[in-house]
């Protein structure tokens, strides 16, 4: 295999990795936004409920339930804040962003290399870019399979290799449905609890 052919093959690998990392950054930033927003929603809900309970005495039968619910909500908020600190969504997203900018530079240089004639200098350039690519892979955490699948779905009909299977499409859309449902339940739960208390 010539240097130009190997450079072309490596360009393909770099392209797929870069697209997956772009999607990984997007996923992590969305996770950060949703978890922060959920914390605000639940903190506001807990605070409002506490103020209401100070103003209006609940029925004696409901007092224990409400007190327990408020304690549970406080624990959930604490656990969520600890979870956020351990996940470091924004820091990880920043590393992916730095990584895919690095990959863009590698990809641009590889495209120039595919047009060069075979020579010892071209071979040396290829090896340097391969080392640079491997270093970028070591410096950034691995993206999830779903990041890669989403990148290929967004590429549409432009793919010439690594075409999507029906299983991959099904897995991706099942994950989207699960995420939407989970977020809907998380946001709706406080409202549902208030409505249940009013109508029961």
Protein backbone atom coordinates (compact mmCIF):
# COMPACT_ATOMS: atom_id res chain seq x y z
CA UNK A 1 0.00 0.00 0.00
CA UNK A 2 1.39 3.40 -0.97
CA UNK A 3 1.79 6.30 1.44
CA UNK A 4 -1.02 8.14 -0.35
CA UNK A 5 -3.39 5.18 0.09
CA UNK A 6 -2.51 4.80 3.76
CA UNK A 7 -2.98 8.54 4.27
CA UNK A 8 -6.40 8.31 2.61
CA UNK A 9 -7.39 5.43 4.89
CA UNK A 10 -6.18 7.29 7.98
CA UNK A 11 -8.08 10.42 6.84
CA UNK A 12 -11.24 8.31 6.86
CA UNK A 13 -10.56 7.11 10.43
CA UNK A 14 -9.79 10.65 11.61
CA UNK A 15 -13.01 11.96 10.02
CA UNK A 16 -15.18 9.39 11.82
CA UNK A 17 -13.41 10.01 15.14
CA UNK A 18 -13.74 13.80 14.78
CA UNK A 19 -17.47 13.58 14.01
CA UNK A 20 -18.04 11.23 16.98
CA UNK A 21 -16.14 13.63 19.28
CA UNK A 22 -18.28 16.55 18.08
CA UNK A 23 -21.36 14.55 19.04
CA UNK A 24 -19.79 13.54 22.37
CA UNK A 25 -19.22 17.21 23.21
CA UNK A 26 -22.82 18.02 22.29
CA UNK A 27 -24.16 15.12 24.41
CA UNK A 28 -22.12 16.12 27.47
CA UNK A 29 -23.16 19.78 27.23
CA UNK A 30 -26.82 18.72 26.98
CA UNK A 31 -26.37 16.43 30.00
CA UNK A 32 -24.86 19.33 31.93
CA UNK A 33 -27.71 21.66 30.97
CA UNK A 34 -30.44 19.15 31.85
CA UNK A 35 -28.95 18.19 35.22
CA UNK A 36 -28.43 21.85 36.17
CA UNK A 37 -31.98 22.70 35.13
CA UNK A 38 -33.39 19.73 37.06
CA UNK A 39 -31.54 20.91 40.16
CA UNK A 40 -33.06 24.39 39.79
CA UNK A 41 -36.56 22.98 39.22
CA UNK A 42 -36.41 20.67 42.25
CA UNK A 43 -34.81 23.33 44.47
CA UNK A 44 -37.55 25.82 43.51
CA UNK A 45 -40.23 23.17 44.06
CA UNK A 46 -38.87 22.24 47.49
CA UNK A 47 -38.54 25.90 48.55
CA UNK A 48 -42.05 26.81 47.38
CA UNK A 49 -43.54 23.78 49.11
CA UNK A 50 -41.74 24.64 52.36
CA UNK A 51 -43.07 28.22 52.26
CA UNK A 52 -46.62 27.00 51.54
CA UNK A 53 -46.43 24.55 54.44
CA UNK A 54 -45.41 27.39 56.78
CA UNK A 55 -48.39 29.49 55.66
CA UNK A 56 -51.03 26.77 55.41
CA UNK A 57 -51.19 23.82 57.79
CA UNK A 58 -51.75 20.58 55.90
CA UNK A 59 -54.32 18.05 57.01
CA UNK A 60 -52.96 16.04 59.95
CA UNK A 61 -53.13 12.84 57.89
CA UNK A 62 -50.89 14.41 55.20
CA UNK A 63 -48.35 16.13 57.45
CA UNK A 64 -46.05 13.10 57.85
CA UNK A 65 -46.19 12.36 54.12
CA UNK A 66 -45.31 15.96 53.19
CA UNK A 67 -42.47 16.15 55.73
CA UNK A 68 -41.05 12.86 54.45
CA UNK A 69 -41.39 14.02 50.82
CA UNK A 70 -39.51 17.24 51.54
CA UNK A 71 -36.72 15.30 53.26
CA UNK A 72 -36.49 12.92 50.30
CA UNK A 73 -36.37 15.84 47.83
CA UNK A 74 -33.53 17.42 49.81
CA UNK A 75 -31.58 14.14 49.65
CA UNK A 76 -32.24 13.88 45.90
CA UNK A 77 -30.89 17.43 45.39
CA UNK A 78 -27.78 16.62 47.42
CA UNK A 79 -27.20 13.38 45.49
CA UNK A 80 -27.70 15.19 42.16
CA UNK A 81 -25.18 17.89 43.06
CA UNK A 82 -22.62 15.23 44.08
CA UNK A 83 -23.29 13.35 40.84
CA UNK A 84 -22.69 16.51 38.83
CA UNK A 85 -19.34 17.07 40.52
CA UNK A 86 -18.15 13.53 39.76
CA UNK A 87 -19.30 13.58 36.12
CA UNK A 88 -17.61 16.90 35.19
CA UNK A 89 -19.70 17.22 32.03
CA UNK A 90 -18.30 20.63 31.02
CA UNK A 91 -14.65 19.68 31.55
CA UNK A 92 -15.05 16.48 29.54
CA UNK A 93 -16.88 18.39 26.78
CA UNK A 94 -14.01 20.90 26.65
CA UNK A 95 -11.49 18.06 26.21
CA UNK A 96 -13.55 16.63 23.33
CA UNK A 97 -13.70 20.10 21.74
CA UNK A 98 -9.96 20.57 22.00
CA UNK A 99 -9.50 17.04 20.64
CA UNK A 100 -11.69 17.45 17.56
CA UNK A 101 -9.97 20.74 16.67
CA UNK A 102 -6.69 18.86 16.86
CA UNK A 103 -8.14 16.12 14.63
CA UNK A 104 -9.25 18.73 12.10
CA UNK A 105 -5.66 19.90 11.72
CA UNK A 106 -4.48 16.29 11.31
CA UNK A 107 -7.19 15.64 8.71
CA UNK A 108 -6.26 18.75 6.70
CA UNK A 109 -2.58 17.73 6.61
CA UNK A 110 -3.51 14.16 5.64
CA UNK A 111 -5.59 15.41 2.71
CA UNK A 112 -2.57 17.33 1.45
CA UNK A 113 -0.45 14.22 1.92
CA UNK A 114 -2.77 12.11 -0.28
CA UNK A 115 -1.86 14.38 -3.20
CA UNK A 116 1.91 14.06 -2.70
CA UNK A 117 4.06 11.72 -4.77
CA UNK A 118 5.61 8.70 -3.07
CA UNK A 119 8.84 9.72 -1.32
CA UNK A 120 10.76 9.19 1.94
CA UNK A 121 9.59 12.64 3.05
CA UNK A 122 5.93 11.70 2.46
CA UNK A 123 6.46 8.50 4.46
CA UNK A 124 7.98 10.50 7.30
CA UNK A 125 5.06 12.97 7.26
CA UNK A 126 2.57 10.09 7.34
CA UNK A 127 4.27 8.48 10.35
CA UNK A 128 4.34 11.83 12.19
CA UNK A 129 0.60 12.34 11.55
CA UNK A 130 -0.17 8.76 12.63
CA UNK A 131 1.72 9.38 15.90
CA UNK A 132 -0.14 12.67 16.35
CA UNK A 133 -3.49 10.89 15.82
CA UNK A 134 -2.60 8.13 18.30
CA UNK A 135 -1.56 10.76 20.85
CA UNK A 136 -4.90 12.58 20.39
CA UNK A 137 -6.72 9.28 21.03
CA UNK A 138 -4.73 8.74 24.23
CA UNK A 139 -5.35 12.29 25.49
CA UNK A 140 -9.16 12.20 25.18
CA UNK A 141 -11.57 9.68 26.69
CA UNK A 142 -13.26 7.33 24.26
CA UNK A 143 -16.61 8.45 22.86
CA UNK A 144 -19.68 6.26 23.30
CA UNK A 145 -20.98 4.02 20.52
CA UNK A 146 -24.07 6.23 20.32
CA UNK A 147 -21.89 9.28 19.53
CA UNK A 148 -20.47 7.40 16.57
CA UNK A 149 -23.90 6.17 15.43
CA UNK A 150 -25.38 9.68 15.67
CA UNK A 151 -22.48 11.10 13.65
CA UNK A 152 -23.15 8.56 10.89
CA UNK A 153 -26.91 9.23 10.98
CA UNK A 154 -26.28 12.97 10.61
CA UNK A 155 -23.88 12.32 7.71
CA UNK A 156 -26.89 10.93 5.82
CA UNK A 157 -26.24 9.56 2.36
CA UNK A 158 -22.74 11.07 2.23
CA UNK A 159 -21.14 7.96 3.77
CA UNK A 160 -19.05 5.74 1.52
CA UNK A 161 -17.95 3.34 4.29
CA UNK A 162 -19.20 2.14 7.68
CA UNK A 163 -22.82 2.33 6.56
CA UNK A 164 -25.42 2.10 9.32
CA UNK A 165 -27.16 -1.17 10.10
CA UNK A 166 -30.83 -1.38 11.09
CA UNK A 167 -29.71 -2.55 14.56
CA UNK A 168 -27.64 0.61 15.02
CA UNK A 169 -30.51 2.82 13.88
CA UNK A 170 -32.90 1.00 16.22
CA UNK A 171 -30.50 1.31 19.14
CA UNK A 172 -30.04 5.04 18.53
CA UNK A 173 -33.76 5.83 18.26
CA UNK A 174 -34.56 3.64 21.28
CA UNK A 175 -31.97 5.65 23.27
CA UNK A 176 -33.57 8.93 22.08
CA UNK A 177 -37.01 7.71 23.18
CA UNK A 178 -35.66 6.54 26.56
CA UNK A 179 -33.91 9.89 27.15
CA UNK A 180 -36.99 11.94 26.23
CA UNK A 181 -39.25 9.78 28.44
CA UNK A 182 -36.86 9.96 31.41
CA UNK A 183 -36.58 13.75 31.18
CA UNK A 184 -40.34 14.13 30.80
CA UNK A 185 -40.95 12.04 33.95
CA UNK A 186 -38.26 13.94 35.89
CA UNK A 187 -39.75 17.35 34.99
CA UNK A 188 -43.38 16.26 35.36
CA UNK A 189 -43.01 14.48 38.72
CA UNK A 190 -43.29 17.62 40.93
CA UNK A 191 -46.34 18.87 39.01
CA UNK A 192 -47.93 15.41 39.17
CA UNK A 193 -47.31 15.26 42.93
CA UNK A 194 -49.05 18.63 43.48
CA UNK A 195 -52.01 17.64 41.28
CA UNK A 196 -52.33 14.31 43.08
CA UNK A 197 -52.37 16.08 46.47
CA UNK A 198 -55.06 18.54 45.29
CA UNK A 199 -57.46 16.02 43.77
CA UNK A 200 -57.07 13.13 46.23
